[in-house]
C-alpha atoms as a PDB file:
ATOM      1  CA  MET A   1     136.891  56.321  84.089  1.00  0.00           C
ATOM      2  CA  SER A   2     139.723  57.864  86.027  1.00  0.00           C
ATOM      3  CA  LYS A   3     139.462  59.146  89.571  1.00  0.00           C
ATOM      4  CA  GLY A   4     140.224  62.693  90.629  1.00  0.00           C
ATOM      5  CA  PHE A   5     139.818  65.911  88.698  1.00  0.00           C
ATOM      6  CA  ALA A   6     138.825  65.668  85.078  1.00  0.00           C
ATOM      7  CA  THR A   7     141.060  67.316  82.530  1.00  0.00           C
ATOM      8  CA  LYS A   8     138.364  67.544  79.845  1.00  0.00           C
ATOM      9  CA  ASP A   9     134.730  68.544  79.942  1.00  0.00           C
ATOM     10  CA  SER A  10     133.111  65.142  79.950  1.00  0.00           C
ATOM     11  CA  VAL A  11     129.651  66.610  80.488  1.00  0.00           C
ATOM     12  CA  SER A  12     127.939  67.488  77.239  1.00  0.00           C
ATOM     13  CA  GLN A  13     127.050  71.132  76.849  1.00  0.00           C
ATOM     14  CA  LYS A  14     123.273  71.269  76.405  1.00  0.00           C
ATOM     15  CA  PRO A  15     121.605  74.612  75.778  1.00  0.00           C
ATOM     16  CA  LYS A  16     119.289  75.628  78.610  1.00  0.00           C
ATOM     17  CA  LYS A  17     115.701  76.206  77.590  1.00  0.00           C
ATOM     18  CA  LYS A  18     113.766  79.008  79.211  1.00  0.00           C
ATOM     19  CA  ALA A  19     110.288  78.199  80.422  1.00  0.00           C
ATOM     20  CA  ILE A  20     107.807  80.297  78.506  1.00  0.00           C
ATOM     21  CA  SER A  21     104.800  81.279  80.558  1.00  0.00           C
ATOM     22  CA  ASN A  22     101.813  83.466  79.924  1.00  0.00           C
ATOM     23  CA  GLU A  23     102.248  85.238  83.250  1.00  0.00           C
ATOM     24  CA  PRO A  24     103.784  88.698  83.051  1.00  0.00           C
ATOM     25  CA  GLN A  25     107.296  89.014  84.385  1.00  0.00           C
ATOM     26  CA  GLY A  26     108.826  91.929  86.244  1.00  0.00           C
ATOM     27  CA  ARG A  27     107.075  94.436  88.461  1.00  0.00           C
ATOM     28  CA  LEU A  28     103.707  96.167  88.384  1.00  0.00           C
ATOM     29  CA  ILE A  29     105.451  99.448  89.218  1.00  0.00           C
ATOM     30  CA  SER A  30     108.899  99.488  87.643  1.00  0.00           C
ATOM     31  CA  TRP A  31     110.738 101.133  90.565  1.00  0.00           C
ATOM     32  CA  SER A  32     108.943  99.208  93.313  1.00  0.00           C
ATOM     33  CA  PRO A  33     110.214  95.908  94.733  1.00  0.00           C
ATOM     34  CA  TRP A  34     106.594  94.919  95.408  1.00  0.00           C
ATOM     35  CA  PRO A  35     104.138  93.712  94.047  1.00  0.00           C
ATOM     36  CA  PRO A  36     105.193  91.343  91.281  1.00  0.00           C
ATOM     37  CA  ALA A  37     103.451  91.671  87.932  1.00  0.00           C
ATOM     38  CA  ASN A  38     101.346  88.541  88.458  1.00  0.00           C
ATOM     39  CA  PHE A  39     100.017  89.770  91.824  1.00  0.00           C
ATOM     40  CA  GLN A  40      96.576  90.682  90.477  1.00  0.00           C
ATOM     41  CA  ARG A  41      96.179  87.282  88.884  1.00  0.00           C
ATOM     42  CA  ARG A  42      97.206  85.405  92.032  1.00  0.00           C
ATOM     43  CA  TYR A  43      95.168  87.426  94.526  1.00  0.00           C
ATOM     44  CA  PRO A  44      92.132  88.905  92.739  1.00  0.00           C
ATOM     45  CA  ALA A  45      90.241  89.588  96.014  1.00  0.00           C
ATOM     46  CA  PHE A  46      93.079  91.566  97.609  1.00  0.00           C
ATOM     47  CA  PRO A  47      91.511  95.054  97.143  1.00  0.00           C
ATOM     48  CA  LEU A  48      88.204  93.877  98.660  1.00  0.00           C
ATOM     49  CA  VAL A  49      89.868  92.179 101.627  1.00  0.00           C
ATOM     50  CA  LEU A  50      92.144  95.164 102.259  1.00  0.00           C
ATOM     51  CA  THR A  51      89.165  97.539 102.193  1.00  0.00           C
ATOM     52  CA  ILE A  52      87.242  95.392 104.671  1.00  0.00           C
ATOM     53  CA  LEU A  53      90.262  95.218 106.994  1.00  0.00           C
ATOM     54  CA  ILE A  54      90.713  98.997 106.874  1.00  0.00           C
ATOM     55  CA  ILE A  55      87.033  99.513 107.730  1.00  0.00           C
ATOM     56  CA  ILE A  56      87.176  97.041 110.643  1.00  0.00           C
ATOM     57  CA  VAL A  57      90.369  98.550 112.085  1.00  0.00           C
ATOM     58  CA  GLY A  58      88.980 102.068 111.594  1.00  0.00           C
ATOM     59  CA  GLN A  59      85.773 101.221 113.441  1.00  0.00           C
ATOM     60  CA  TRP A  60      87.765  99.595 116.247  1.00  0.00           C
ATOM     61  CA  TYR A  61      89.988 102.674 116.529  1.00  0.00           C
ATOM     62  CA  ILE A  62      87.023 105.059 116.579  1.00  0.00           C
ATOM     63  CA  SER A  63      85.329 102.978 119.274  1.00  0.00           C
ATOM     64  CA  LEU A  64      88.466 103.262 121.439  1.00  0.00           C
ATOM     65  CA  LEU A  65      88.414 107.052 121.182  1.00  0.00           C
ATOM     66  CA  ARG A  66      84.885 107.304 122.599  1.00  0.00           C
END
């Protein structure tokens, strides 16, 4: 084995295999950078939690106006 820069490709060229997954790739809305397509599978309670947060913040805001 010689030192320095190699003149030939000594590393064998192995084809790269793509990982096949069942999760959808891409975006839920094609033009939107968010959310990813697997968002609903990862966070199934997101709509419920968001609704509860909106109600809590809305009640807090209304109580400040009184």
